[in-house]
Protein backbone atom coordinates (compact mmCIF):
# COMPACT_ATOMS: atom_id res chain seq x y z
CA MET A 1 -11.58 -1.62 -8.99
CA VAL A 2 -10.62 -5.66 -9.56
CA LYS A 3 -13.16 -5.47 -12.62
CA THR A 4 -11.51 -2.52 -13.68
CA ILE A 5 -7.65 -3.78 -13.71
CA GLN A 6 -8.70 -6.67 -15.36
CA ARG A 7 -10.19 -5.25 -17.82
CA LEU A 8 -7.36 -3.25 -18.55
CA LEU A 9 -4.82 -6.24 -18.45
CA PRO A 10 -4.03 -6.30 -21.76
CA GLU A 11 -3.66 -2.39 -22.13
CA LEU A 12 -0.60 -2.95 -18.84
CA CYS A 13 2.61 -4.66 -18.89
CA GLN A 14 4.90 -5.81 -16.26
CA PHE A 15 5.85 -3.56 -13.53
CA ASP A 16 8.55 -3.54 -11.42
CA LEU A 17 7.22 -1.75 -8.49
CA ILE A 18 3.42 -2.22 -7.72
CA VAL A 19 2.37 -0.47 -4.41
CA ILE A 20 -1.50 -1.96 -2.95
CA ASP A 21 -3.36 0.30 0.05
CA PRO A 22 -6.53 -2.11 0.06
CA PRO A 23 -9.24 -0.50 1.45
CA TRP A 24 -9.67 -2.77 3.66
CA ARG A 25 -13.03 -3.61 5.35
CA ASN A 26 -12.64 -1.53 8.86
CA LYS A 27 -14.68 -0.53 11.49
CA TYR A 28 -13.61 3.13 11.30
CA ILE A 29 -14.60 3.56 8.03
CA ARG A 30 -18.17 1.98 9.15
CA ARG A 31 -18.53 4.14 11.80
CA LEU A 32 -17.89 6.89 9.40
CA LYS A 33 -20.01 6.08 6.59
CA ARG A 34 -23.12 6.37 9.20
CA VAL A 35 -22.26 9.71 9.92
CA ARG A 36 -20.61 11.63 6.40
CA GLN A 37 -20.75 9.83 3.68
CA GLU A 38 -18.57 11.49 1.81
CA LEU A 39 -15.92 11.30 3.86
CA SER A 40 -15.75 7.30 3.66
CA TYR A 41 -14.92 5.31 1.00
CA GLN A 42 -16.00 2.28 -0.81
CA MET A 43 -14.45 -1.16 1.11
CA LEU A 44 -13.97 -4.75 -0.65
CA SER A 45 -13.56 -8.25 0.93
CA ASN A 46 -10.60 -9.99 1.45
CA GLU A 47 -12.02 -12.28 -1.45
CA GLU A 48 -12.43 -9.36 -3.46
CA LEU A 49 -8.65 -8.18 -3.28
CA ARG A 50 -7.41 -11.47 -3.63
CA ASN A 51 -8.74 -11.87 -6.81
CA LEU A 52 -6.81 -8.49 -8.04
CA PRO A 53 -4.67 -10.02 -11.18
CA ILE A 54 -1.34 -9.01 -9.43
CA SER A 55 0.68 -12.05 -10.75
CA GLN A 56 -0.04 -10.93 -14.17
CA LEU A 57 1.54 -7.92 -13.55
CA ILE A 58 5.01 -8.83 -11.41
CA HIS A 59 7.82 -10.35 -13.47
CA LYS A 60 11.27 -11.98 -11.55
CA HIS A 61 12.91 -9.02 -10.52
CA SER A 62 9.05 -6.50 -9.05
CA LEU A 63 8.95 -5.23 -5.74
CA VAL A 64 5.38 -5.48 -4.19
CA ALA A 65 4.95 -3.17 -1.25
CA ILE A 66 1.13 -3.61 0.37
CA TRP A 67 0.17 -1.61 3.21
CA CYS A 68 -1.69 -3.64 5.65
CA THR A 69 -4.14 -2.21 9.01
CA ASN A 70 -3.07 -3.39 12.15
CA SER A 71 -6.16 -6.49 12.44
CA SER A 72 -4.28 -10.02 12.40
CA GLN A 73 -7.14 -11.41 10.20
CA HIS A 74 -6.49 -9.07 7.38
CA GLN A 75 -2.43 -9.97 7.86
CA THR A 76 -3.17 -13.83 8.07
CA ALA A 77 -5.45 -13.14 4.98
CA LEU A 78 -2.69 -11.64 3.34
CA LEU A 79 0.60 -13.97 4.08
CA GLU A 80 -1.42 -17.15 3.51
CA GLU A 81 -3.70 -16.30 0.79
CA PHE A 82 -2.73 -13.20 -1.38
CA LEU A 83 0.47 -13.89 -1.62
CA PRO A 84 0.74 -17.36 -2.60
CA GLU A 85 -1.90 -16.32 -5.37
CA TRP A 86 -0.37 -13.68 -6.25
CA ASN A 87 2.68 -15.97 -7.23
CA LEU A 88 4.97 -14.08 -4.23
CA GLN A 89 6.98 -14.89 -1.28
CA LEU A 90 6.87 -12.20 1.59
CA LEU A 91 10.84 -10.34 1.29
CA HIS A 92 10.24 -8.51 5.10
CA VAL A 93 7.77 -6.54 7.37
CA LEU A 94 8.08 -3.40 9.20
CA LYS A 95 6.52 -0.31 10.22
CA TRP A 96 5.56 2.67 10.02
CA LEU A 97 5.58 4.71 12.93
CA LYS A 98 3.53 8.22 12.80
CA LEU A 99 4.47 10.86 14.35
CA ASN A 100 3.83 14.39 15.40
CA ILE A 101 5.57 17.64 14.91
CA ASN A 102 7.92 17.40 17.63
CA GLY A 103 9.06 14.02 16.68
CA GLU A 104 6.93 11.92 18.80
CA PRO A 105 4.49 9.31 18.54
CA ILE A 106 0.75 10.69 17.91
CA SER A 107 -0.33 8.23 20.90
CA SER A 108 0.87 5.42 22.80
CA ILE A 109 1.51 2.00 21.49
CA SER A 110 -1.99 0.18 23.36
CA ASN A 111 -3.60 -3.03 23.81
CA ALA A 112 -4.59 -4.81 20.46
CA GLY A 113 -7.86 -3.90 19.41
CA GLN A 114 -7.30 -0.17 20.19
CA LYS A 115 -5.91 2.08 17.03
CA GLN A 116 -2.09 2.45 17.43
CA PRO A 117 0.54 5.32 15.72
CA PHE A 118 1.62 2.61 13.29
CA GLU A 119 0.67 0.44 9.81
CA MET A 120 1.94 -2.26 8.87
CA LEU A 121 3.90 -2.34 5.64
CA PHE A 122 4.31 -6.13 3.93
CA ILE A 123 7.38 -6.05 0.87
CA ALA A 124 7.19 -9.16 -1.42
CA ARG A 125 9.05 -9.98 -3.93
CA HIS A 126 8.16 -12.80 -6.97
CA GLN A 127 8.38 -16.58 -5.85
CA GLU A 128 11.24 -17.51 -8.52
CA ALA A 129 13.31 -14.18 -7.80
CA ASP A 130 16.92 -14.53 -7.27
CA VAL A 131 17.85 -15.66 -3.45
CA ASP A 132 19.44 -12.32 -2.50
CA PHE A 133 17.05 -10.06 -4.64
CA ALA A 134 16.79 -6.99 -2.39
CA THR A 135 17.50 -8.66 0.62
CA SER A 136 18.99 -5.33 2.29
CA ILE A 137 15.37 -4.27 2.54
CA ARG A 138 15.47 -5.93 5.94
CA GLN A 139 17.79 -3.42 7.01
CA VAL A 140 15.06 -0.67 7.48
CA GLU A 141 13.27 -1.57 10.39
CA MET A 142 10.88 1.10 10.67
CA LEU A 143 9.77 4.11 8.66
CA PHE A 144 8.92 7.40 10.31
CA SER A 145 7.14 10.26 9.48
CA VAL A 146 4.29 12.66 10.21
CA PRO A 147 0.86 11.65 8.87
CA SER A 148 -1.25 13.98 6.64
CA ILE A 149 -4.11 14.86 8.08
CA ILE A 150 -5.95 13.46 5.49
CA HIS A 151 -7.45 9.81 6.44
CA SER A 152 -5.10 7.19 4.71
CA HIS A 153 -2.97 8.77 3.24
CA LYS A 154 0.46 7.04 2.85
CA PRO A 155 3.95 8.76 2.88
CA PRO A 156 5.28 7.35 -0.87
CA LEU A 157 7.86 4.53 -0.96
CA TYR A 158 9.93 5.07 -4.65
CA ALA A 159 12.56 7.09 -2.56
CA TRP A 160 13.30 4.26 -0.91
CA LEU A 161 12.31 1.48 -3.24
CA GLY A 162 13.24 2.57 -6.10
CA GLU A 163 17.40 1.58 -5.24
CA TYR A 164 16.41 -1.85 -6.03
CA LEU A 165 14.26 -1.20 -9.28
CA GLN A 166 16.23 -0.66 -12.83
CA ASN A 167 16.61 2.11 -14.91
CA GLU A 168 13.52 3.66 -15.33
CA PRO A 169 11.86 1.50 -13.57
CA LYS A 170 8.18 1.16 -14.21
CA CYS A 171 5.61 1.20 -11.47
CA LEU A 172 2.16 1.58 -10.74
CA GLU A 173 -0.26 1.74 -8.52
CA ILE A 174 -3.21 0.37 -7.02
CA PHE A 175 -6.25 1.97 -5.29
CA ALA A 176 -4.16 5.27 -5.31
CA ARG A 177 -4.66 8.51 -4.12
CA TYR A 178 -2.73 11.04 -5.60
CA LEU A 179 -0.20 10.70 -9.15
CA GLN A 180 3.71 10.10 -8.56
CA PRO A 181 6.53 10.28 -11.20
CA SER A 182 6.82 7.14 -13.18
CA PHE A 183 3.83 5.33 -11.61
CA THR A 184 0.72 4.60 -13.42
CA SER A 185 -1.88 4.82 -10.66
CA ILE A 186 -5.53 3.24 -10.49
CA GLY A 187 -7.91 3.94 -8.52
CA LEU A 188 -11.40 5.90 -8.28
CA GLU A 189 -9.47 8.63 -6.10
CA VAL A 190 -6.07 9.18 -8.31
CA LEU A 191 -6.79 13.12 -7.89
CA LYS A 192 -8.33 13.18 -4.45
CA LEU A 193 -4.62 14.66 -3.07
CA MET A 194 -3.99 16.74 -6.45
CA ASP A 195 -6.37 19.26 -4.65
CA GLU A 196 -4.93 22.71 -4.63
CA ARG A 197 -6.83 23.16 -1.73
CA LEU A 198 -4.74 21.38 0.10
CA TYR A 199 -1.39 23.02 -0.26
CA SER A 200 -0.21 26.37 0.54
CA LYS A 201 0.68 28.59 -2.56
CA THR A 202 4.11 30.55 -2.70
């Protein structure tokens, strides 16, 4: 995937919003791969992810949203290695809390090392961004939604983050699993969640 994006660089522009849902290495997917290969996906090492050419795809008023697991190792790598390499500074960190159809967390918040009912979202901006750019994002402390039954299907962010972008923004999603208006989508499974079998016909 990293090499694919590097090859596409001459055809790409600088984007106003980039959403990244990295295929972090994790134990759940390794176990899943042993049982049902078709349900798993290819994971990348932190070194491979760090080599994404994000710094070449942003401008001074870009926002970059990065989904991260609850692994302290991945979060530390993101903050201390990825963001500096990508010429980004951290703007905000918040949780996506997964709810059941009754509006309650899908499970209790457990001790470290156990699966949690939330995932982390890191919002970053260019290192040379104006000091006040998009700072009101910090007023949002948590996202709530009922998760998809499909593993790693994240809620769309454009309706929220689009408020901080210019008119007719150019957006990019890396490791995309479905198509969205105004987005260039890059990934190995960009049509995965577009399958008509996932939707009821009216």
